[in-house]
PDB file of N, CA and C in Angstrom:
ATOM      1  N   UNK A   1     146.362 237.359  88.388  1.00  0.00           N
ATOM      2  CA  UNK A   1     145.945 236.619  88.992  1.00  0.00           C
ATOM      3  C   UNK A   1     146.824 236.548  89.871  1.00  0.00           C
ATOM      4  N   UNK A   2     147.163 236.979  91.223  1.00  0.00           N
ATOM      5  CA  UNK A   2     147.638 236.273  92.429  1.00  0.00           C
ATOM      6  C   UNK A   2     148.184 234.785  92.320  1.00  0.00           C
ATOM      7  N   UNK A   3     149.298 234.836  93.188  1.00  0.00           N
ATOM      8  CA  UNK A   3     149.982 233.448  93.326  1.00  0.00           C
ATOM      9  C   UNK A   3     148.985 232.719  94.067  1.00  0.00           C
ATOM     10  N   UNK A   4     148.195 233.159  95.027  1.00  0.00           N
ATOM     11  CA  UNK A   4     147.522 232.275  95.874  1.00  0.00           C
ATOM     12  C   UNK A   4     146.356 231.734  94.633  1.00  0.00           C
ATOM     13  N   UNK A   5     145.723 232.474  94.310  1.00  0.00           N
ATOM     14  CA  UNK A   5     143.941 232.026  93.219  1.00  0.00           C
ATOM     15  C   UNK A   5     145.009 231.112  92.455  1.00  0.00           C
ATOM     16  N   UNK A   6     146.442 231.527  91.806  1.00  0.00           N
ATOM     17  CA  UNK A   6     147.144 230.629  91.168  1.00  0.00           C
ATOM     18  C   UNK A   6     146.733 228.885  91.775  1.00  0.00           C
ATOM     19  N   UNK A   7     147.750 228.749  92.870  1.00  0.00           N
ATOM     20  CA  UNK A   7     147.465 227.851  93.808  1.00  0.00           C
ATOM     21  C   UNK A   7     146.621 227.300  94.089  1.00  0.00           C
ATOM     22  N   UNK A   8     145.068 227.448  94.734  1.00  0.00           N
ATOM     23  CA  UNK A   8     144.031 227.392  94.213  1.00  0.00           C
ATOM     24  C   UNK A   8     143.049 226.835  93.305  1.00  0.00           C
ATOM     25  N   UNK A   9     143.342 227.061  92.215  1.00  0.00           N
ATOM     26  CA  UNK A   9     142.864 226.600  91.026  1.00  0.00           C
ATOM     27  C   UNK A   9     143.835 224.926  90.743  1.00  0.00           C
ATOM     28  N   UNK A  10     145.113 224.817  91.063  1.00  0.00           N
ATOM     29  CA  UNK A  10     145.500 223.949  90.897  1.00  0.00           C
ATOM     30  C   UNK A  10     145.718 222.886  91.611  1.00  0.00           C
ATOM     31  N   UNK A  11     145.225 223.127  93.186  1.00  0.00           N
ATOM     32  CA  UNK A  11     144.590 222.215  94.174  1.00  0.00           C
ATOM     33  C   UNK A  11     143.400 221.725  93.759  1.00  0.00           C
ATOM     34  N   UNK A  12     142.273 222.544  93.209  1.00  0.00           N
ATOM     35  CA  UNK A  12     140.832 222.278  92.280  1.00  0.00           C
ATOM     36  C   UNK A  12     141.123 221.314  91.647  1.00  0.00           C
ATOM     37  N   UNK A  13     142.097 221.570  89.928  1.00  0.00           N
ATOM     38  CA  UNK A  13     142.581 220.844  89.124  1.00  0.00           C
ATOM     39  C   UNK A  13     143.291 219.396  90.106  1.00  0.00           C
ATOM     40  N   UNK A  14     143.783 219.035  91.299  1.00  0.00           N
ATOM     41  CA  UNK A  14     143.963 218.433  91.462  1.00  0.00           C
ATOM     42  C   UNK A  14     143.426 217.557  91.574  1.00  0.00           C
ATOM     43  N   UNK A  15     142.288 217.978  92.752  1.00  0.00           N
ATOM     44  CA  UNK A  15     141.213 217.188  93.600  1.00  0.00           C
ATOM     45  C   UNK A  15     140.469 216.426  92.477  1.00  0.00           C
ATOM     46  N   UNK A  16     139.937 217.800  91.262  1.00  0.00           N
ATOM     47  CA  UNK A  16     139.327 216.553  90.113  1.00  0.00           C
ATOM     48  C   UNK A  16     139.900 215.399  89.468  1.00  0.00           C
ATOM     49  N   UNK A  17     141.380 215.599  89.038  1.00  0.00           N
ATOM     50  CA  UNK A  17     142.129 214.713  88.798  1.00  0.00           C
ATOM     51  C   UNK A  17     141.687 213.323  89.716  1.00  0.00           C
ATOM     52  N   UNK A  18     141.742 213.637  90.737  1.00  0.00           N
ATOM     53  CA  UNK A  18     141.410 212.164  91.896  1.00  0.00           C
ATOM     54  C   UNK A  18     140.880 211.750  92.025  1.00  0.00           C
ATOM     55  N   UNK A  19     139.643 212.532  92.098  1.00  0.00           N
ATOM     56  CA  UNK A  19     138.311 211.514  91.755  1.00  0.00           C
ATOM     57  C   UNK A  19     138.182 211.060  90.421  1.00  0.00           C
ATOM     58  N   UNK A  20     138.765 211.307  89.334  1.00  0.00           N
ATOM     59  CA  UNK A  20     138.585 210.604  87.969  1.00  0.00           C
ATOM     60  C   UNK A  20     139.126 209.322  88.005  1.00  0.00           C
ATOM     61  N   UNK A  21     140.713 209.266  88.452  1.00  0.00           N
ATOM     62  CA  UNK A  21     141.198 208.422  88.961  1.00  0.00           C
ATOM     63  C   UNK A  21     140.291 207.310  89.910  1.00  0.00           C
ATOM     64  N   UNK A  22     139.455 207.677  91.442  1.00  0.00           N
ATOM     65  CA  UNK A  22     138.805 206.887  92.059  1.00  0.00           C
ATOM     66  C   UNK A  22     137.947 206.680  91.137  1.00  0.00           C
ATOM     67  N   UNK A  23     136.559 207.022  90.435  1.00  0.00           N
ATOM     68  CA  UNK A  23     135.997 206.461  89.222  1.00  0.00           C
ATOM     69  C   UNK A  23     136.471 205.307  88.569  1.00  0.00           C
ATOM     70  N   UNK A  24     137.690 205.799  87.654  1.00  0.00           N
ATOM     71  CA  UNK A  24     137.986 204.603  87.112  1.00  0.00           C
ATOM     72  C   UNK A  24     138.742 203.403  87.623  1.00  0.00           C
ATOM     73  N   UNK A  25     139.337 203.393  88.822  1.00  0.00           N
ATOM     74  CA  UNK A  25     139.212 202.477  89.758  1.00  0.00           C
ATOM     75  C   UNK A  25     138.107 201.916  90.167  1.00  0.00           C
ATOM     76  N   UNK A  26     137.216 202.057  90.442  1.00  0.00           N
ATOM     77  CA  UNK A  26     135.769 201.511  90.311  1.00  0.00           C
ATOM     78  C   UNK A  26     135.492 200.831  89.624  1.00  0.00           C
ATOM     79  N   UNK A  27     135.679 201.541  88.398  1.00  0.00           N
ATOM     80  CA  UNK A  27     134.742 200.884  87.046  1.00  0.00           C
ATOM     81  C   UNK A  27     135.748 199.657  87.221  1.00  0.00           C
ATOM     82  N   UNK A  28     137.173 199.825  87.298  1.00  0.00           N
ATOM     83  CA  UNK A  28     138.107 198.702  87.277  1.00  0.00           C
ATOM     84  C   UNK A  28     137.629 197.717  87.998  1.00  0.00           C
ATOM     85  N   UNK A  29     137.254 197.459  89.011  1.00  0.00           N
ATOM     86  CA  UNK A  29     137.038 196.566  90.351  1.00  0.00           C
ATOM     87  C   UNK A  29     135.610 196.494  89.823  1.00  0.00           C
ATOM     88  N   UNK A  30     134.636 197.175  89.039  1.00  0.00           N
ATOM     89  CA  UNK A  30     133.919 196.311  88.100  1.00  0.00           C
ATOM     90  C   UNK A  30     133.913 195.134  87.051  1.00  0.00           C
ATOM     91  N   UNK A  31     134.735 195.429  86.328  1.00  0.00           N
ATOM     92  CA  UNK A  31     135.017 194.743  85.592  1.00  0.00           C
ATOM     93  C   UNK A  31     135.262 193.211  86.114  1.00  0.00           C
ATOM     94  N   UNK A  32     136.430 193.661  87.303  1.00  0.00           N
ATOM     95  CA  UNK A  32     137.050 192.464  87.778  1.00  0.00           C
ATOM     96  C   UNK A  32     136.017 191.808  88.217  1.00  0.00           C
ATOM     97  N   UNK A  33     135.499 191.689  89.161  1.00  0.00           N
ATOM     98  CA  UNK A  33     133.932 191.271  89.670  1.00  0.00           C
ATOM     99  C   UNK A  33     133.195 190.891  88.986  1.00  0.00           C
ATOM    100  N   UNK A  34     133.188 191.199  87.490  1.00  0.00           N
ATOM    101  CA  UNK A  34     132.511 190.687  86.302  1.00  0.00           C
ATOM    102  C   UNK A  34     133.124 189.526  85.727  1.00  0.00           C
ATOM    103  N   UNK A  35     134.589 189.641  86.286  1.00  0.00           N
ATOM    104  CA  UNK A  35     135.515 188.594  85.623  1.00  0.00           C
ATOM    105  C   UNK A  35     135.423 187.546  86.204  1.00  0.00           C
ATOM    106  N   UNK A  36     135.439 187.673  87.711  1.00  0.00           N
ATOM    107  CA  UNK A  36     135.266 186.552  88.636  1.00  0.00           C
ATOM    108  C   UNK A  36     134.178 186.043  88.804  1.00  0.00           C
ATOM    109  N   UNK A  37     133.351 186.546  88.440  1.00  0.00           N
ATOM    110  CA  UNK A  37     131.601 186.274  88.414  1.00  0.00           C
ATOM    111  C   UNK A  37     131.984 184.628  86.983  1.00  0.00           C
ATOM    112  N   UNK A  38     132.354 185.374  85.969  1.00  0.00           N
ATOM    113  CA  UNK A  38     132.090 184.293  85.211  1.00  0.00           C
ATOM    114  C   UNK A  38     133.035 183.006  85.219  1.00  0.00           C
ATOM    115  N   UNK A  39     134.044 183.627  85.893  1.00  0.00           N
ATOM    116  CA  UNK A  39     134.814 182.161  86.530  1.00  0.00           C
ATOM    117  C   UNK A  39     134.203 181.122  87.528  1.00  0.00           C
ATOM    118  N   UNK A  40     133.503 181.660  88.142  1.00  0.00           N
ATOM    119  CA  UNK A  40     132.233 180.783  88.995  1.00  0.00           C
ATOM    120  C   UNK A  40     131.558 180.253  87.728  1.00  0.00           C
ATOM    121  N   UNK A  41     130.931 180.865  87.638  1.00  0.00           N
ATOM    122  CA  UNK A  41     130.072 179.996  86.476  1.00  0.00           C
ATOM    123  C   UNK A  41     130.615 178.890  85.676  1.00  0.00           C
ATOM    124  N   UNK A  42     131.594 178.902  85.359  1.00  0.00           N
ATOM    125  CA  UNK A  42     132.316 178.190  83.845  1.00  0.00           C
ATOM    126  C   UNK A  42     132.588 177.294  85.113  1.00  0.00           C
ATOM    127  N   UNK A  43     132.440 176.484  86.417  1.00  0.00           N
ATOM    128  CA  UNK A  43     132.558 175.736  87.362  1.00  0.00           C
ATOM    129  C   UNK A  43     131.260 174.514  87.411  1.00  0.00           C
TER     130      UNK A  43
END
C-alpha cells in the first residue's frame, strides 16, 4: 500500500473516531437534560 492510501485510511479512521466522540457528547447532553428536568421536578 502506498503512502497516499495509508494517509487516506488514517483520515477515514480519524473521521470515524470524531463521529463516535460527537455521538458520546450527544449522549452526555441527553443525560444532562434529564438531570436538569429532575431538578425542576423536585421543586
